[in-house]
Amino acid sequence: MENFNNNYNNSNLKDIVHDLKTPITSIMGFIELLKQGSYDKKSTLEFYDIILEESQKLLRMVNNILYVCKGDSKYNNNICNLNIQIDKHVKELTPLARKRNIDIKINIRSKNIYVSIPEDKMSRILTNIIENAIKYNKEYGKIFIDVYEENEKVFVKIRDTGIGIPENEIGEVFNKYYRSSISKKLSVEGAGLGLAIANDIVREYNGSINVTSALNQYTEFIISFPISHMEK
């Protein structure tokens, strides 16, 4: 695996600092509101939910940055139950999806599917791609996650009904710090690290990842790994 370097230019640093500042500012703001006054139970719970959501967002961003800085590339033969991992990470990201009224539908065609990749690495792949499918979707949009086995491989198809990627930018989506021209125009938060990290891990563990997209219609990622016949 080719390790990332951590030679950030000023533009990259500015984007990253801005994206880190946004959830921190939100967390601080809602804590101040809770300190200043007395709110009914419903409002208080809503504030706590927002603080938790922003904290989780901040943690995901920090984990991505740490991954890049450390160049984490240790290979091992851990076995991962893909069904469990997908269910777990969809549940974790459901509050973010609900905030934008996005419906996530899962279709897993086999009871248990195992792949030879550590759970933390699979977690990073799924979180980064599903979170993108939420962030770059349209309000009241949908995300379809389809998992199936074919020719001794397992395929994970993640398709959204979002803003899409310009055709001339498709070849750049896995580049570090890439952010589409549309996402910049719409001021969608992100440092452009998630897909680069996902691609890096997939290829480290003998997998493949491909993307297709149509502007203002959809973006679809298809990830594949060799099936593991060993259970944990």
Protein backbone atom coordinates (compact mmCIF):
# COMPACT_ATOMS: atom_id res chain seq x y z
CA MET A 1 0.00 0.00 0.00
CA GLU A 2 1.20 3.44 -0.83
CA ASN A 3 1.13 5.50 2.36
CA PHE A 4 -0.29 8.98 2.40
CA ASN A 5 2.11 11.76 3.18
CA ASN A 6 1.14 14.61 5.44
CA ASN A 7 2.45 17.55 3.44
CA TYR A 8 -0.52 19.86 3.67
CA ASN A 9 -0.55 23.07 1.67
CA ASN A 10 -2.11 26.23 3.05
CA SER A 11 -5.37 25.72 1.14
CA ASN A 12 -5.78 22.18 2.50
CA LEU A 13 -5.06 23.32 6.04
CA LYS A 14 -7.52 26.18 5.76
CA ASP A 15 -10.30 23.81 4.62
CA ILE A 16 -9.53 21.28 7.35
CA VAL A 17 -9.40 23.89 10.12
CA HIS A 18 -12.67 25.40 8.89
CA ASP A 19 -14.39 22.02 8.88
CA LEU A 20 -13.13 21.22 12.38
CA LYS A 21 -14.23 24.62 13.65
CA THR A 22 -17.83 24.23 12.48
CA PRO A 23 -18.90 21.35 14.79
CA ILE A 24 -16.85 22.77 17.68
CA THR A 25 -18.66 26.12 17.34
CA SER A 26 -22.03 24.32 17.23
CA ILE A 27 -21.22 22.25 20.34
CA MET A 28 -20.09 25.33 22.26
CA GLY A 29 -23.19 27.27 21.21
CA PHE A 30 -25.65 24.67 22.43
CA ILE A 31 -23.77 24.17 25.69
CA GLU A 32 -24.02 27.93 26.28
CA LEU A 33 -27.77 27.78 25.61
CA LEU A 34 -28.16 24.99 28.16
CA LYS A 35 -26.17 26.98 30.73
CA GLN A 36 -28.07 30.22 30.24
CA GLY A 37 -31.61 29.13 30.71
CA SER A 38 -34.17 26.57 31.62
CA TYR A 39 -35.79 24.68 28.76
CA ASP A 40 -38.54 22.11 28.62
CA LYS A 41 -37.58 18.45 28.42
CA LYS A 42 -38.17 18.20 24.65
CA SER A 43 -35.94 21.19 23.83
CA THR A 44 -33.24 20.03 26.22
CA LEU A 45 -33.17 16.56 24.63
CA GLU A 46 -33.00 18.13 21.16
CA PHE A 47 -29.98 20.19 22.26
CA TYR A 48 -28.28 17.07 23.63
CA ASP A 49 -28.98 15.21 20.38
CA ILE A 50 -27.37 18.01 18.37
CA ILE A 51 -24.33 18.11 20.68
CA LEU A 52 -23.93 14.33 20.34
CA GLU A 53 -24.32 14.43 16.55
CA GLU A 54 -21.78 17.26 16.17
CA SER A 55 -19.38 15.45 18.52
CA GLN A 56 -19.64 12.26 16.44
CA LYS A 57 -19.05 14.28 13.27
CA LEU A 58 -15.97 15.86 14.83
CA LEU A 59 -14.65 12.46 15.91
CA ARG A 60 -15.06 11.03 12.39
CA MET A 61 -13.16 13.97 10.93
CA VAL A 62 -10.36 13.71 13.49
CA ASN A 63 -10.06 9.95 12.90
CA ASN A 64 -9.67 10.55 9.16
CA ILE A 65 -6.95 13.14 9.75
CA LEU A 66 -5.15 10.85 12.20
CA TYR A 67 -5.29 8.01 9.67
CA VAL A 68 -3.61 10.21 7.06
CA CYS A 69 -0.98 11.53 9.45
CA LYS A 70 -0.05 8.08 10.80
CA GLY A 71 -0.03 6.35 7.42
CA ASP A 72 -1.71 3.40 9.10
CA SER A 73 -1.12 0.39 6.86
CA LYS A 74 -0.70 -2.65 9.07
CA TYR A 75 -1.97 -5.72 7.32
CA ASN A 76 -3.52 -8.61 9.25
CA ASN A 77 -5.94 -11.44 8.58
CA ASN A 78 -8.79 -10.45 10.86
CA ILE A 79 -12.20 -11.60 9.72
CA CYS A 80 -15.11 -9.17 9.56
CA ASN A 81 -18.83 -9.99 9.50
CA LEU A 82 -20.04 -7.57 6.85
CA ASN A 83 -23.72 -7.88 7.79
CA ILE A 84 -23.05 -6.74 11.35
CA GLN A 85 -20.79 -3.89 10.27
CA ILE A 86 -23.29 -2.45 7.79
CA ASP A 87 -26.14 -2.63 10.31
CA LYS A 88 -23.97 -0.97 12.98
CA HIS A 89 -22.81 1.95 10.86
CA VAL A 90 -26.19 2.63 9.31
CA LYS A 91 -27.62 2.88 12.83
CA GLU A 92 -24.82 5.25 13.87
CA LEU A 93 -25.46 7.52 10.88
CA THR A 94 -29.27 7.39 11.04
CA PRO A 95 -29.56 10.58 13.17
CA LEU A 96 -27.58 12.48 10.52
CA ALA A 97 -29.82 11.04 7.78
CA ARG A 98 -33.02 11.89 9.67
CA LYS A 99 -31.89 15.47 10.05
CA ARG A 100 -32.13 15.77 6.26
CA ASN A 101 -35.12 13.42 5.91
CA ILE A 102 -33.06 10.83 4.04
CA ASP A 103 -34.28 7.23 3.97
CA ILE A 104 -31.67 4.43 4.03
CA LYS A 105 -32.74 1.06 2.62
CA ILE A 106 -30.60 -2.07 3.13
CA ASN A 107 -30.80 -5.28 1.11
CA ILE A 108 -28.40 -8.02 2.24
CA ARG A 109 -28.98 -11.19 0.27
CA SER A 110 -27.06 -13.65 2.50
CA LYS A 111 -27.40 -14.32 6.23
CA ASN A 112 -23.71 -13.94 7.10
CA ILE A 113 -20.95 -12.66 4.83
CA TYR A 114 -17.34 -12.64 5.99
CA VAL A 115 -14.39 -10.79 4.47
CA SER A 116 -10.71 -10.78 5.46
CA ILE A 117 -10.39 -7.24 6.75
CA PRO A 118 -10.24 -5.88 10.33
CA GLU A 119 -13.46 -4.42 11.68
CA ASP A 120 -11.92 -0.99 12.27
CA LYS A 121 -10.81 -0.77 8.62
CA MET A 122 -14.22 -1.86 7.32
CA SER A 123 -15.76 0.64 9.70
CA ARG A 124 -13.75 3.46 8.14
CA ILE A 125 -14.75 2.46 4.60
CA LEU A 126 -18.46 2.20 5.36
CA THR A 127 -18.64 5.32 7.52
CA ASN A 128 -16.84 7.50 4.98
CA ILE A 129 -18.92 6.38 2.00
CA ILE A 130 -22.32 6.31 3.72
CA GLU A 131 -21.69 9.67 5.37
CA ASN A 132 -20.88 11.12 1.94
CA ALA A 133 -24.08 9.62 0.55
CA ILE A 134 -25.96 11.55 3.24
CA LYS A 135 -24.05 14.83 2.97
CA TYR A 136 -24.21 15.01 -0.82
CA ASN A 137 -27.81 13.84 -1.08
CA LYS A 138 -30.91 15.95 -1.59
CA GLU A 139 -33.35 16.56 1.24
CA TYR A 140 -35.93 13.75 1.29
CA GLY A 141 -33.50 11.68 -0.76
CA LYS A 142 -32.77 7.97 -0.51
CA ILE A 143 -29.74 5.73 -0.04
CA PHE A 144 -29.78 2.13 -1.23
CA ILE A 145 -27.27 -0.35 0.20
CA ASP A 146 -27.20 -3.69 -1.60
CA VAL A 147 -24.91 -6.54 -0.50
CA TYR A 148 -24.54 -9.75 -2.49
CA GLU A 149 -22.12 -12.57 -3.35
CA GLU A 150 -21.00 -13.46 -6.84
CA ASN A 151 -18.06 -15.50 -8.20
CA GLU A 152 -16.36 -15.86 -4.80
CA LYS A 153 -16.57 -12.13 -4.17
CA VAL A 154 -18.79 -10.00 -2.02
CA PHE A 155 -20.13 -6.75 -3.45
CA VAL A 156 -21.38 -3.73 -1.51
CA LYS A 157 -23.32 -1.27 -3.67
CA ILE A 158 -24.09 2.12 -2.12
CA ARG A 159 -26.26 4.38 -4.26
CA ASP A 160 -27.71 7.77 -3.37
CA THR A 161 -30.18 10.11 -5.06
CA GLY A 162 -28.00 13.15 -4.57
CA ILE A 163 -26.31 15.98 -6.40
CA GLY A 164 -23.98 13.73 -8.38
CA ILE A 165 -20.43 14.35 -9.58
CA PRO A 166 -19.55 16.26 -12.76
CA GLU A 167 -18.43 13.85 -15.50
CA ASN A 168 -15.07 15.57 -15.90
CA GLU A 169 -14.34 15.14 -12.17
CA ILE A 170 -15.15 11.42 -11.77
CA GLY A 171 -11.48 10.48 -12.17
CA GLU A 172 -10.52 12.68 -9.22
CA VAL A 173 -12.89 11.43 -6.52
CA PHE A 174 -10.31 9.18 -4.84
CA ASN A 175 -7.61 11.85 -4.79
CA LYS A 176 -6.66 13.20 -1.40
CA TYR A 177 -8.35 16.57 -0.65
CA TYR A 178 -10.64 16.28 -3.68
CA ARG A 179 -13.95 18.12 -3.28
CA SER A 180 -16.26 18.50 -6.24
CA SER A 181 -16.96 21.91 -7.67
CA ILE A 182 -20.64 21.47 -6.75
CA SER A 183 -19.90 20.62 -3.11
CA LYS A 184 -17.77 23.76 -2.83
CA LYS A 185 -20.51 25.84 -4.40
CA LEU A 186 -23.07 24.44 -1.96
CA SER A 187 -20.63 24.77 0.98
CA VAL A 188 -20.91 21.10 1.94
CA GLU A 189 -18.53 20.39 4.81
CA GLY A 190 -15.59 18.08 4.19
CA ALA A 191 -11.81 17.99 3.93
CA GLY A 192 -11.71 15.65 0.93
CA LEU A 193 -10.10 12.75 2.84
CA GLY A 194 -12.90 10.20 3.25
CA LEU A 195 -12.96 8.64 -0.22
CA ALA A 196 -9.16 8.67 -0.52
CA ILE A 197 -8.92 6.73 2.74
CA ALA A 198 -11.68 4.30 1.73
CA ASN A 199 -9.96 3.63 -1.61
CA ASP A 200 -6.60 3.14 0.10
CA ILE A 201 -7.96 0.55 2.55
CA VAL A 202 -10.01 -1.34 -0.06
CA ARG A 203 -6.99 -1.82 -2.28
CA GLU A 204 -4.80 -2.77 0.70
CA TYR A 205 -7.08 -5.74 1.35
CA ASN A 206 -7.22 -6.99 -2.25
CA GLY A 207 -10.53 -5.32 -3.01
CA SER A 208 -11.75 -2.91 -5.65
CA ILE A 209 -13.88 0.22 -5.57
CA ASN A 210 -15.59 1.93 -8.49
CA VAL A 211 -17.88 4.92 -8.84
CA THR A 212 -20.47 6.03 -11.38
CA SER A 213 -22.56 9.17 -11.23
CA ALA A 214 -25.03 11.35 -13.12
CA LEU A 215 -25.30 15.02 -12.26
CA ASN A 216 -28.34 15.83 -10.10
CA GLN A 217 -29.46 12.19 -10.24
CA TYR A 218 -27.25 9.74 -8.35
CA THR A 219 -23.82 8.58 -7.26
CA GLU A 220 -23.08 4.88 -6.86
CA PHE A 221 -20.07 3.18 -5.29
CA ILE A 222 -19.47 -0.54 -5.76
CA ILE A 223 -16.94 -2.14 -3.41
CA SER A 224 -15.84 -5.75 -3.74
CA PHE A 225 -13.70 -8.11 -1.65
CA PRO A 226 -12.82 -11.80 -1.88
CA ILE A 227 -15.21 -13.82 0.31
CA SER A 228 -13.72 -15.37 3.43
CA HIS A 229 -15.06 -18.82 4.30
CA MET A 230 -13.65 -18.63 7.82
CA GLU A 231 -15.83 -17.47 10.67
CA LYS A 232 -14.51 -15.43 13.56
